[in-house]
Amino acid sequence: MLLEDQRFLHEDLERLEQGISDRIAEEPKHIRDRLNRDHQIAGFLSRIQQQSQRLIEIYKDTESRTREIQSISTGDPFDEFYKQVTEVKDFHRRYPNEPVENLERAYKRKGPGEGELAVTEVDSMFSGEEGFGRFLDLTTLHEDYLNLQGVKRISYIQYLEQFDVFTSPICPVKRVDKMSDQYFNYVRRLLSYLEDFLKRTRPLEDLDKLFWSFGQEFEHAWEANEVEGWADESQPTTSAPITEGTGEGIWCPDCEKEFKNDNVYKSHLTGKKHINAAKARMSNGVTGAAASNGNSSRAVLRLKERAIAEREFRIKKMTSVMQSQRSDTRVNVERKQGMTERERQIELDALFAESAILAPQGGHDSDDDSDSSEKIYNPLKLPLAWDGKPIPYWLYKLHGLGVEFPCEICGNFVYMGRRAFDKHFNEARHIYGLKCLGVTNTTLFREITGIEDALKLWDKIQRDKKVEKTGGENVVQMEDADGNVMPEKVYYEYVLIKAPKYQRIKLTRLQSTKAGSSLGPRTDISVPPSRAAGPNMTMALRTRLNTVTDERSLGTLAYWAGHEPDRS
């Protein structure tokens, strides 16, 4: 029944295309759902390739197709029909429990209430540290790196920054030590993890083509002897080798030292230290021993170097592709180092349970979608985050969001938490409320939330400003006999008290017709001719007399070297 198989394959391909289009039209918010969708699409694409290959084979078998077409078109059609029905019944009689595949339901997008599994393939695909493909989990490889020969102990954050660097001085592993099985297994496991991580996080990309391009780049670099750290050492070391280290000077592989000057490099070749290092290196079978064993041993050694160098080259290329995950991993590790074990566990549980509270996608009517999106489980009435979900309870307690801070100036608006309360003093609502009360300088009214308190404070500020302004305008200045200008208080305390008694100036009584009226004419100032003060002092006292504007009742102001005023 080739024609029936052909029809079935065409139907299967159309159902697969429809299932892919339905999933591409959606854009899940959570990374877990997005990865689950991508892996489903990748599985559909693989099945399309398999079914297409089978369909091509059927089309190539022209003889069988022609024979079946002739058997159907010739003879009695009912005989052929009942013959095929009999074959179908015999098949199900032999296999009674054979399931019948429903293509329409097999590739349809299912919602949570339509038989969709709560635990998907993605849940078991990533570890808790990887966070559904957002971060790298290199903790085991970090321990393997620390166990290598010649490696100093570094932190996990430092390892994340330099795990793709295999040359000195950052990588302390010498070239001779890289030939060990321990180092080879380490780079093999590191490369295998990076490739597997890339396949799990990017299921829809053509990674085989990407890996093939990495291999081609390595082939060209190896043939040109341009692989960093793996230059061919079969040639004598009289000339400077390919630069390693910082890449600015000449690298000596025997001494494992970089020289900035070519003359210094050539002169150190005859030194005792270099000769001993070269002998030790030859004894380890890197240069001289390999050459003495013939071309075959050298070729075997070069093949082993090529295998290690290729893995290092691929690791560098893989890391360059995953720069975003690498930087995010470093930030995530630094953040988790400041958290307790309980906080880490809470965050991990929240990560796995995050997608469970999302609204169902697909498989429901629009009314059902609106109802389900409104029904969010929030019994504690927690505030909602930016994604519309309640924030964690520990974060709610940490920021004190359960404490209410009302503000009467803002129209009795209640702020939840101290942070929001302190922030609202600089917001437009509070500033507008103060301006409605007539307050212009809002910086002095921080922590003031009552209208009555704000008005009292503003009145006091206005009174203090008036007093300060009036006091500055009514300052009386006096001038002594020498022409020195000073305030009135200083003048009477330090000038008149020290003046001789014979310098007596009498200030007569000021007459006033009634309280509050203007002062009457001022009487002359009697000064003894022989003992009179200088003209400057006389002018100063007259200035003082002119400034007296309010005595209410009649009175006499007389100041003289500690004597009481004369009121006669």
Protein backbone atom coordinates (compact mmCIF):
# COMPACT_ATOMS: atom_id res chain seq x y z
CA MET A 1 0.00 0.00 0.00
CA LEU A 2 2.54 2.52 -1.18
CA LEU A 3 -0.09 5.05 -2.16
CA GLU A 4 -1.57 5.04 1.34
CA ASP A 5 1.90 5.46 2.87
CA GLN A 6 2.54 8.32 0.47
CA ARG A 7 -0.72 10.02 1.41
CA PHE A 8 0.01 9.52 5.13
CA LEU A 9 3.48 11.06 4.81
CA HIS A 10 2.10 14.12 3.00
CA GLU A 11 -0.52 14.58 5.69
CA ASP A 12 2.09 14.19 8.40
CA LEU A 13 4.29 16.86 6.81
CA GLU A 14 1.39 19.30 6.59
CA ARG A 15 0.45 18.67 10.25
CA LEU A 16 4.05 19.24 11.29
CA GLU A 17 4.22 22.53 9.40
CA GLN A 18 0.98 23.67 11.02
CA GLY A 19 2.26 22.74 14.47
CA ILE A 20 5.47 24.69 13.88
CA SER A 21 3.58 27.77 12.68
CA ASP A 22 1.28 27.68 15.73
CA ARG A 23 4.26 27.64 18.08
CA ILE A 24 6.25 30.31 16.25
CA ALA A 25 3.25 32.67 16.45
CA GLU A 26 3.55 32.60 20.25
CA GLU A 27 6.18 34.42 22.26
CA PRO A 28 6.43 32.98 25.80
CA LYS A 29 7.53 35.35 28.54
CA HIS A 30 9.42 32.84 30.62
CA ILE A 31 12.69 31.36 29.41
CA ARG A 32 11.53 27.88 30.41
CA ASP A 33 8.52 28.02 28.12
CA ARG A 34 10.60 29.55 25.33
CA LEU A 35 13.15 26.74 25.49
CA ASN A 36 10.39 24.15 25.64
CA ARG A 37 8.82 25.64 22.51
CA ASP A 38 12.17 25.72 20.67
CA HIS A 39 12.90 22.10 21.51
CA GLN A 40 9.46 21.04 20.31
CA ILE A 41 10.02 22.88 17.04
CA ALA A 42 13.44 21.25 16.70
CA GLY A 43 11.83 17.84 17.19
CA PHE A 44 9.24 18.63 14.52
CA LEU A 45 11.97 19.69 12.10
CA SER A 46 13.83 16.43 12.68
CA ARG A 47 10.64 14.47 12.03
CA ILE A 48 10.05 16.47 8.82
CA GLN A 49 13.49 15.45 7.60
CA GLN A 50 12.82 11.79 8.39
CA GLN A 51 9.39 11.76 6.77
CA SER A 52 10.68 13.62 3.74
CA GLN A 53 13.43 11.06 3.32
CA ARG A 54 10.89 8.24 3.39
CA LEU A 55 8.70 10.09 0.90
CA ILE A 56 11.63 10.56 -1.47
CA GLU A 57 12.35 6.83 -1.34
CA ILE A 58 8.73 6.05 -2.24
CA TYR A 59 8.86 8.41 -5.19
CA LYS A 60 12.10 6.79 -6.35
CA ASP A 61 10.51 3.31 -6.27
CA THR A 62 8.61 3.82 -9.53
CA GLU A 63 8.15 0.12 -10.24
CA SER A 64 6.24 -0.63 -7.05
CA ARG A 65 4.10 2.47 -7.44
CA THR A 66 3.29 1.59 -11.06
CA ARG A 67 2.41 -1.98 -10.13
CA GLU A 68 0.06 -0.85 -7.35
CA ILE A 69 -1.61 1.69 -9.59
CA GLN A 70 -2.20 -0.97 -12.23
CA SER A 71 -3.67 -3.38 -9.68
CA ILE A 72 -6.16 -0.73 -8.58
CA SER A 73 -7.09 0.51 -12.03
CA THR A 74 -7.57 -2.95 -13.63
CA GLY A 75 -10.11 -5.52 -12.63
CA ASP A 76 -13.00 -5.17 -10.23
CA PRO A 77 -12.37 -2.23 -7.85
CA PHE A 78 -14.49 -3.82 -5.10
CA ASP A 79 -12.32 -6.92 -5.09
CA GLU A 80 -9.23 -4.79 -4.51
CA PHE A 81 -11.05 -2.79 -1.86
CA TYR A 82 -12.15 -5.82 0.16
CA LYS A 83 -8.71 -7.30 -0.23
CA GLN A 84 -7.16 -4.28 1.45
CA VAL A 85 -9.83 -4.31 4.18
CA THR A 86 -8.99 -7.93 4.90
CA GLU A 87 -5.28 -7.04 5.22
CA VAL A 88 -6.13 -4.26 7.66
CA LYS A 89 -8.24 -6.59 9.82
CA ASP A 90 -5.53 -9.26 9.81
CA PHE A 91 -3.00 -6.67 10.95
CA HIS A 92 -5.13 -5.53 13.91
CA ARG A 93 -5.95 -9.13 14.75
CA ARG A 94 -2.25 -9.88 15.07
CA TYR A 95 -1.55 -6.64 16.95
CA PRO A 96 -4.71 -5.82 18.95
CA ASN A 97 -3.04 -3.22 21.18
CA GLU A 98 -1.47 -1.23 18.39
CA PRO A 99 -2.30 2.47 19.01
CA VAL A 100 -3.78 4.55 16.25
CA GLU A 101 -1.92 7.82 15.75
CA ASN A 102 -4.11 10.90 15.50
CA LEU A 103 -2.03 13.45 13.62
CA GLU A 104 -4.39 16.32 14.38
CA ARG A 105 -4.00 15.91 18.13
CA ALA A 106 -0.36 14.82 18.02
CA TYR A 107 1.02 18.19 16.90
CA LYS A 108 -1.62 20.52 18.31
CA ARG A 109 -0.50 23.06 20.89
CA LYS A 110 -1.90 21.93 24.22
CA GLY A 111 -2.67 24.10 27.21
CA PRO A 112 -2.19 23.20 30.88
CA GLY A 113 -5.75 21.89 31.12
CA GLU A 114 -5.60 19.80 27.94
CA GLY A 115 -3.15 17.14 28.97
CA GLU A 116 0.05 19.19 28.80
CA LEU A 117 2.63 17.70 31.14
CA ALA A 118 3.52 19.92 34.11
CA VAL A 119 7.12 18.66 34.03
CA THR A 120 8.61 19.03 30.56
CA GLU A 121 11.84 17.86 29.03
CA VAL A 122 13.50 21.20 29.72
CA ASP A 123 13.09 20.77 33.49
CA SER A 124 15.50 17.83 33.54
CA MET A 125 17.76 19.27 30.88
CA PHE A 126 19.40 22.01 33.00
CA SER A 127 20.85 22.08 36.48
CA GLY A 128 19.73 24.56 39.10
CA GLU A 129 22.91 26.59 38.68
CA GLU A 130 22.33 26.98 34.94
CA GLY A 131 18.90 28.59 35.40
CA PHE A 132 17.35 27.22 32.19
CA GLY A 133 20.35 28.15 30.06
CA ARG A 134 20.99 31.65 31.38
CA PHE A 135 24.22 30.78 33.21
CA LEU A 136 27.13 28.38 32.89
CA ASP A 137 27.80 25.68 35.48
CA LEU A 138 31.57 25.15 35.55
CA THR A 139 31.98 24.23 39.22
CA THR A 140 33.07 20.64 38.48
CA LEU A 141 35.45 21.77 35.74
CA HIS A 142 36.85 24.38 38.12
CA GLU A 143 37.81 21.59 40.54
CA ASP A 144 39.41 19.63 37.69
CA TYR A 145 41.39 22.71 36.70
CA LEU A 146 42.72 23.18 40.24
CA ASN A 147 43.96 19.58 40.26
CA LEU A 148 46.17 20.11 37.20
CA GLN A 149 49.91 20.14 37.66
CA GLY A 150 51.43 23.57 38.24
CA VAL A 151 48.12 25.38 38.73
CA LYS A 152 47.73 27.76 41.64
CA ARG A 153 44.45 27.94 43.49
CA ILE A 154 42.13 30.61 42.13
CA SER A 155 38.54 31.51 42.89
CA TYR A 156 35.58 30.48 40.78
CA ILE A 157 35.09 34.04 39.53
CA GLN A 158 38.71 34.21 38.37
CA TYR A 159 38.27 30.87 36.63
CA LEU A 160 35.23 32.19 34.75
CA GLU A 161 37.35 35.04 33.41
CA GLN A 162 40.29 32.93 32.19
CA PHE A 163 39.09 29.37 31.52
CA ASP A 164 39.46 29.93 27.75
CA VAL A 165 43.06 31.21 27.97
CA PHE A 166 45.69 28.50 27.51
CA THR A 167 48.90 30.52 27.09
CA SER A 168 51.35 32.04 29.54
CA PRO A 169 51.41 34.02 31.70
CA ILE A 170 47.69 33.67 32.47
CA CYS A 171 47.67 29.88 32.12
CA PRO A 172 50.42 28.42 34.37
CA VAL A 173 50.31 24.96 32.75
CA LYS A 174 53.49 24.35 30.79
CA ARG A 175 53.49 22.86 27.33
CA VAL A 176 55.18 19.70 28.53
CA ASP A 177 52.53 19.27 31.23
CA LYS A 178 49.78 19.67 28.65
CA MET A 179 50.81 16.36 27.11
CA SER A 180 49.53 14.45 30.15
CA ASP A 181 46.30 12.47 30.09
CA GLN A 182 44.91 14.55 32.95
CA TYR A 183 45.10 17.78 30.97
CA PHE A 184 43.75 16.12 27.83
CA ASN A 185 40.71 14.82 29.75
CA TYR A 186 40.16 18.26 31.25
CA VAL A 187 40.02 20.10 27.91
CA ARG A 188 37.91 17.28 26.43
CA ARG A 189 35.31 17.56 29.21
CA LEU A 190 35.31 21.36 28.99
CA LEU A 191 34.74 21.28 25.22
CA SER A 192 32.05 18.62 25.56
CA TYR A 193 30.18 20.70 28.16
CA LEU A 194 30.29 23.87 26.06
CA GLU A 195 29.05 22.05 22.95
CA ASP A 196 26.26 20.36 24.89
CA PHE A 197 25.27 23.65 26.55
CA LEU A 198 25.11 25.35 23.16
CA LYS A 199 22.90 22.58 21.77
CA ARG A 200 20.53 22.78 24.74
CA THR A 201 20.18 26.58 24.65
CA ARG A 202 20.03 27.00 20.84
CA PRO A 203 18.12 24.03 19.46
CA LEU A 204 16.96 25.85 16.31
CA GLU A 205 20.41 26.92 15.08
CA ASP A 206 22.52 24.92 12.65
CA LEU A 207 25.25 24.11 15.15
CA ASP A 208 26.80 21.36 13.05
CA LYS A 209 27.69 23.95 10.43
CA LEU A 210 29.11 26.21 13.14
CA PHE A 211 31.27 23.42 14.57
CA TRP A 212 32.44 22.52 11.07
CA SER A 213 33.55 26.12 10.48
CA PHE A 214 35.58 26.00 13.71
CA GLY A 215 37.30 22.87 12.44
CA GLN A 216 38.14 24.50 9.11
CA GLU A 217 39.65 27.54 10.82
CA PHE A 218 41.81 25.30 12.98
CA GLU A 219 42.99 23.32 9.93
CA HIS A 220 44.20 26.47 8.18
CA ALA A 221 45.87 27.82 11.34
CA TRP A 222 47.61 24.49 12.05
CA GLU A 223 48.94 24.13 8.53
CA ALA A 224 50.27 27.69 8.65
CA ASN A 225 51.83 27.01 12.09
CA GLU A 226 49.83 29.92 13.57
CA VAL A 227 48.12 28.18 16.48
CA GLU A 228 49.00 30.17 19.58
CA GLY A 229 51.15 28.19 21.99
CA TRP A 230 51.65 25.19 19.68
CA ALA A 231 54.39 26.23 17.26
CA ASP A 232 56.36 23.42 15.61
CA GLU A 233 59.58 22.96 17.56
CA SER A 234 61.22 20.52 15.19
CA GLN A 235 63.38 23.38 13.91
CA PRO A 236 66.44 24.43 15.98
CA THR A 237 65.92 27.31 18.41
CA THR A 238 68.64 29.59 16.97
CA SER A 239 65.93 31.91 15.66
CA ALA A 240 63.22 33.49 17.69
CA PRO A 241 60.04 31.39 17.90
CA ILE A 242 56.52 32.58 17.45
CA THR A 243 55.62 35.16 20.07
CA GLU A 244 53.69 34.02 23.13
CA GLY A 245 53.10 35.63 26.53
CA THR A 246 51.87 39.18 26.15
CA GLY A 247 52.41 39.06 22.37
CA GLU A 248 54.81 42.00 22.29
CA GLY A 249 58.24 40.34 22.54
CA ILE A 250 60.13 37.12 21.86
CA TRP A 251 59.16 34.01 23.79
CA CYS A 252 61.67 31.40 24.94
CA PRO A 253 59.88 28.03 25.37
CA ASP A 254 62.76 26.53 27.36
CA CYS A 255 62.93 29.30 29.96
CA GLU A 256 59.25 30.17 29.56
CA LYS A 257 60.16 33.82 29.54
CA GLU A 258 59.45 36.72 27.23
CA PHE A 259 62.15 39.08 25.96
CA LYS A 260 61.47 42.54 24.60
CA ASN A 261 64.75 42.81 22.68
CA ASP A 262 66.11 40.40 20.08
CA ASN A 263 69.72 40.93 21.19
CA VAL A 264 68.88 40.09 24.78
CA TYR A 265 67.12 36.93 23.60
CA LYS A 266 70.12 35.79 21.56
CA SER A 267 72.59 36.52 24.37
CA HIS A 268 70.62 34.53 26.93
CA LEU A 269 70.82 31.40 24.72
CA THR A 270 74.40 30.85 25.87
CA GLY A 271 73.55 31.34 29.53
CA LYS A 272 73.72 28.55 32.09
CA LYS A 273 70.08 28.92 33.07
CA HIS A 274 68.86 28.51 29.50
CA ILE A 275 71.12 25.52 28.84
CA ASN A 276 69.85 23.71 31.96
CA ALA A 277 66.24 24.47 31.05
CA ALA A 278 66.79 23.17 27.51
CA LYS A 279 68.35 19.96 28.81
CA ALA A 280 65.45 19.41 31.21
CA ARG A 281 63.03 19.98 28.39
CA MET A 282 64.85 17.55 26.14
CA SER A 283 64.81 14.91 28.86
CA ASN A 284 61.02 15.21 29.02
CA GLY A 285 60.81 14.25 25.36
CA VAL A 286 59.64 17.55 23.91
CA THR A 287 62.43 18.42 21.47
CA GLY A 288 65.62 16.42 21.42
CA ALA A 289 64.21 13.09 22.52
CA ALA A 290 61.47 13.24 19.97
CA ALA A 291 63.94 14.06 17.20
CA SER A 292 66.32 11.26 18.22
CA ASN A 293 63.58 8.67 18.02
CA GLY A 294 63.05 9.40 14.34
CA ASN A 295 60.34 10.94 12.28
CA SER A 296 57.71 8.41 13.38
CA SER A 297 57.91 9.31 17.06
CA ARG A 298 57.93 12.98 16.17
CA ALA A 299 54.83 12.53 14.06
CA VAL A 300 53.05 10.70 16.90
CA LEU A 301 53.95 13.50 19.30
CA ARG A 302 52.74 16.10 16.82
CA LEU A 303 49.43 14.29 16.42
CA LYS A 304 48.88 14.37 20.17
CA GLU A 305 49.71 18.07 20.25
CA ARG A 306 47.28 18.62 17.41
CA ALA A 307 44.46 16.88 19.32
CA ILE A 308 45.03 19.05 22.41
CA ALA A 309 45.49 22.23 20.37
CA GLU A 310 42.28 21.62 18.43
CA ARG A 311 40.26 21.29 21.62
CA GLU A 312 41.78 24.47 23.03
CA PHE A 313 41.01 26.28 19.78
CA ARG A 314 37.40 25.10 19.79
CA ILE A 315 36.96 26.13 23.44
CA LYS A 316 38.07 29.67 22.57
CA LYS A 317 35.61 29.82 19.68
CA MET A 318 32.78 28.40 21.81
CA THR A 319 33.43 30.96 24.53
CA SER A 320 33.36 33.82 22.02
CA VAL A 321 29.91 32.67 20.91
CA MET A 322 28.61 32.56 24.51
CA GLN A 323 29.96 35.87 25.81
CA SER A 324 26.57 36.98 27.16
CA GLN A 325 26.10 33.80 29.23
CA ARG A 326 29.65 34.12 30.50
CA SER A 327 29.22 37.69 31.73
CA ASP A 328 25.80 36.88 33.23
CA THR A 329 27.32 33.91 35.06
CA ARG A 330 29.99 36.09 36.62
CA VAL A 331 27.41 38.63 37.81
CA ASN A 332 25.17 35.85 39.15
CA VAL A 333 28.02 34.23 41.09
CA GLU A 334 29.00 37.56 42.68
CA ARG A 335 25.39 38.16 43.66
CA LYS A 336 24.95 34.71 45.19
CA GLN A 337 28.12 35.05 47.25
CA GLY A 338 26.36 37.74 49.26
CA MET A 339 23.31 35.53 49.95
CA THR A 340 22.69 32.91 52.60
CA GLU A 341 21.98 29.28 51.80
CA ARG A 342 18.31 29.73 52.64
CA GLU A 343 18.01 32.70 50.28
CA ARG A 344 19.64 30.70 47.48
CA GLN A 345 17.19 27.84 48.01
CA ILE A 346 14.23 30.22 48.02
CA GLU A 347 15.41 31.80 44.79
CA LEU A 348 15.87 28.38 43.19
CA ASP A 349 12.37 27.28 44.20
CA ALA A 350 10.92 30.52 42.89
CA LEU A 351 12.71 29.98 39.58
CA PHE A 352 11.15 26.55 39.07
CA ALA A 353 7.71 27.69 40.23
CA GLU A 354 7.72 30.95 38.25
CA SER A 355 6.16 29.56 35.11
CA ALA A 356 3.43 27.73 37.07
CA ILE A 357 1.59 30.97 37.89
CA LEU A 358 1.72 32.35 34.36
CA ALA A 359 -1.55 32.63 32.48
CA PRO A 360 -2.35 29.67 30.18
CA GLN A 361 -1.36 30.19 26.58
CA GLY A 362 -3.56 28.77 23.83
CA GLY A 363 -6.30 26.18 23.90
CA HIS A 364 -8.88 28.50 25.53
CA ASP A 365 -11.36 31.08 24.41
CA SER A 366 -10.76 34.76 24.90
CA ASP A 367 -13.15 34.85 27.87
CA ASP A 368 -11.30 32.04 29.58
CA ASP A 369 -7.99 33.80 29.00
CA SER A 370 -9.24 37.02 30.57
CA ASP A 371 -10.63 35.18 33.60
CA SER A 372 -7.49 33.16 34.14
CA SER A 373 -5.24 36.20 33.81
CA GLU A 374 -7.21 37.99 36.55
CA LYS A 375 -7.15 35.06 38.96
CA ILE A 376 -3.69 35.35 40.51
CA TYR A 377 -3.13 33.53 43.78
CA ASN A 378 -2.27 36.31 46.23
CA PRO A 379 -3.80 35.59 49.65
CA LEU A 380 -1.41 37.94 51.51
CA LYS A 381 -2.29 40.88 49.25
CA LEU A 382 1.34 41.41 48.30
CA PRO A 383 2.29 44.20 45.88
CA LEU A 384 2.69 43.20 42.25
CA ALA A 385 6.03 43.31 40.47
CA TRP A 386 6.70 44.62 36.96
CA ASP A 387 5.50 41.34 35.44
CA GLY A 388 2.13 41.46 37.21
CA LYS A 389 2.96 38.76 39.77
CA PRO A 390 3.19 39.15 43.56
CA ILE A 391 6.64 39.83 44.93
CA PRO A 392 8.17 37.29 47.36
CA TYR A 393 7.08 37.58 50.97
CA TRP A 394 10.65 37.90 52.28
CA LEU A 395 11.18 40.90 49.99
CA TYR A 396 7.90 42.33 51.28
CA LYS A 397 9.15 42.10 54.88
CA LEU A 398 12.66 43.30 54.01
CA HIS A 399 11.46 46.63 52.63
CA GLY A 400 8.82 47.07 55.33
CA LEU A 401 6.00 47.32 52.82
CA GLY A 402 3.46 46.36 55.48
CA VAL A 403 3.93 49.69 57.35
CA GLU A 404 1.55 52.47 56.32
CA PHE A 405 2.61 56.15 56.13
CA PRO A 406 -0.34 58.52 55.46
CA CYS A 407 0.23 62.06 54.21
CA GLU A 408 -2.49 64.69 54.76
CA ILE A 409 -0.84 67.15 52.38
CA CYS A 410 -1.11 64.62 49.54
CA GLY A 411 -4.84 64.23 50.14
CA ASN A 412 -4.54 61.52 52.84
CA PHE A 413 -2.70 59.25 50.42
CA VAL A 414 -1.16 56.21 52.14
CA TYR A 415 2.39 55.16 51.22
CA MET A 416 3.44 51.57 51.86
CA GLY A 417 6.97 51.30 53.21
CA ARG A 418 9.52 53.77 54.43
CA ARG A 419 11.28 53.93 51.08
CA ALA A 420 8.20 55.06 49.18
CA PHE A 421 7.36 57.53 51.98
CA ASP A 422 10.80 59.19 51.88
CA LYS A 423 10.74 59.31 48.12
CA HIS A 424 7.35 61.02 47.87
CA PHE A 425 8.59 64.32 49.40
CA ASN A 426 10.29 65.10 46.09
CA GLU A 427 7.38 63.96 43.94
CA ALA A 428 4.91 66.23 42.17
CA ARG A 429 1.91 65.31 44.33
CA HIS A 430 3.47 66.47 47.62
CA ILE A 431 5.00 69.61 46.08
CA TYR A 432 1.65 70.55 44.54
CA GLY A 433 -0.06 70.13 47.93
CA LEU A 434 2.44 72.48 49.59
CA LYS A 435 2.00 75.10 46.87
CA CYS A 436 -1.75 74.98 47.41
CA LEU A 437 -1.07 75.95 51.06
CA GLY A 438 1.07 78.89 49.95
CA VAL A 439 4.41 77.28 50.69
CA THR A 440 7.08 78.12 48.14
CA ASN A 441 10.21 76.70 49.78
CA THR A 442 9.44 72.97 49.93
CA THR A 443 12.91 71.81 50.96
CA LEU A 444 12.33 72.84 54.60
CA PHE A 445 9.13 70.77 54.92
CA ARG A 446 10.57 67.27 54.80
CA GLU A 447 8.87 64.83 57.21
CA ILE A 448 5.93 67.29 57.52
CA THR A 449 2.72 65.51 56.53
CA GLY A 450 0.00 67.51 58.41
CA ILE A 451 -1.59 70.63 56.97
CA GLU A 452 -1.72 72.42 60.34
CA ASP A 453 1.94 71.67 61.05
CA ALA A 454 2.95 72.94 57.62
CA LEU A 455 1.04 76.22 58.09
CA LYS A 456 2.54 76.82 61.55
CA LEU A 457 6.03 76.19 60.28
CA TRP A 458 5.51 78.48 57.31
CA ASP A 459 4.18 81.30 59.55
CA LYS A 460 7.16 80.98 61.85
CA ILE A 461 9.54 81.12 58.93
CA GLN A 462 7.85 84.26 57.64
CA ARG A 463 7.98 85.95 61.08
CA ASP A 464 11.64 85.12 61.51
CA LYS A 465 12.39 86.62 58.14
CA LYS A 466 10.57 89.85 59.04
CA VAL A 467 12.36 90.18 62.39
CA GLU A 468 15.70 89.57 60.76
CA LYS A 469 14.96 92.14 58.08
CA THR A 470 13.71 94.77 60.59
CA GLY A 471 16.64 94.24 62.92
CA GLY A 472 19.09 94.76 60.09
CA GLU A 473 17.44 98.03 59.00
CA ASN A 474 17.24 99.61 62.55
CA VAL A 475 20.89 99.23 63.51
CA VAL A 476 22.06 102.57 65.00
CA GLN A 477 25.64 103.54 64.29
CA MET A 478 27.57 106.00 66.50
CA GLU A 479 30.74 107.96 65.86
CA ASP A 480 33.28 108.88 68.52
CA ALA A 481 35.53 111.93 68.74
CA ASP A 482 38.16 110.29 66.56
CA GLY A 483 35.69 109.58 63.77
CA ASN A 484 35.40 105.80 64.42
CA VAL A 485 31.98 104.39 63.48
CA MET A 486 30.56 101.64 65.70
CA PRO A 487 27.20 100.23 66.84
CA GLU A 488 25.29 102.03 69.57
CA LYS A 489 25.84 99.34 72.20
CA VAL A 490 29.58 99.27 71.67
CA TYR A 491 29.73 103.05 71.71
CA TYR A 492 28.06 103.43 75.13
CA GLU A 493 29.96 100.57 76.69
CA TYR A 494 33.47 101.43 75.60
CA VAL A 495 33.50 105.17 74.78
CA LEU A 496 31.19 107.08 77.09
CA ILE A 497 31.96 104.98 80.14
CA LYS A 498 35.63 105.83 79.81
CA ALA A 499 35.02 109.53 79.06
CA PRO A 500 35.93 112.18 81.77
CA LYS A 501 33.18 113.43 84.00
CA TYR A 502 33.55 117.05 82.87
CA GLN A 503 32.40 116.09 79.40
CA ARG A 504 28.75 116.25 80.35
CA ILE A 505 26.05 116.47 77.83
CA LYS A 506 22.53 116.70 78.97
CA LEU A 507 19.70 115.45 76.88
CA THR A 508 16.63 117.37 77.70
CA ARG A 509 13.20 116.00 77.96
CA LEU A 510 11.33 115.47 74.77
CA GLN A 511 7.88 116.89 74.67
CA SER A 512 5.08 115.13 72.92
CA THR A 513 1.55 116.37 72.60
CA LYS A 514 0.04 112.90 72.70
CA ALA A 515 1.03 109.31 72.35
CA GLY A 516 1.83 108.29 68.83
CA SER A 517 2.09 111.86 67.52
CA SER A 518 5.21 113.34 66.02
CA LEU A 519 7.76 114.70 68.45
CA GLY A 520 7.84 118.37 69.27
CA PRO A 521 10.77 120.66 68.69
CA ARG A 522 14.02 119.46 70.20
CA THR A 523 15.62 121.70 72.85
CA ASP A 524 19.16 122.81 72.48
CA ILE A 525 21.93 120.75 73.87
CA SER A 526 23.82 122.59 76.60
CA VAL A 527 27.51 121.90 76.55
CA PRO A 528 30.01 123.73 78.76
CA PRO A 529 32.13 125.77 76.39
CA SER A 530 35.39 124.93 78.08
CA ARG A 531 34.66 121.20 78.46
CA ALA A 532 32.65 120.52 75.35
CA ALA A 533 33.24 117.42 73.39
CA GLY A 534 34.56 117.54 69.90
CA PRO A 535 32.32 118.32 66.97
CA ASN A 536 32.17 114.67 65.92
CA MET A 537 30.85 113.55 69.30
CA THR A 538 28.27 116.34 69.36
CA MET A 539 27.04 115.33 65.92
CA ALA A 540 26.85 111.69 67.01
CA LEU A 541 24.74 112.51 70.04
CA ARG A 542 22.42 114.64 67.97
CA THR A 543 22.07 111.72 65.55
CA ARG A 544 21.12 109.51 68.45
CA LEU A 545 18.52 112.07 69.58
CA ASN A 546 16.99 112.17 66.14
CA THR A 547 16.60 108.36 66.06
CA VAL A 548 14.44 108.25 69.15
CA THR A 549 10.94 108.01 67.68
CA ASP A 550 8.79 106.28 70.22
CA GLU A 551 8.97 106.87 73.95
CA ARG A 552 5.19 106.59 74.44
CA SER A 553 5.36 108.83 77.49
CA LEU A 554 7.65 111.68 78.24
CA GLY A 555 11.09 110.65 79.22
CA THR A 556 14.69 111.66 79.24
CA LEU A 557 17.60 109.79 77.78
CA ALA A 558 20.84 110.76 79.36
CA TYR A 559 24.01 108.76 79.40
CA TRP A 560 27.11 109.99 81.06
CA ALA A 561 30.03 107.97 82.36
CA GLY A 562 27.94 105.78 84.66
CA HIS A 563 25.63 108.56 86.01
CA GLU A 564 21.86 108.10 86.21
CA PRO A 565 19.72 110.18 83.82
CA ASP A 566 18.60 113.59 85.03
CA ARG A 567 14.82 113.70 84.94
CA SER A 568 14.35 117.19 86.45
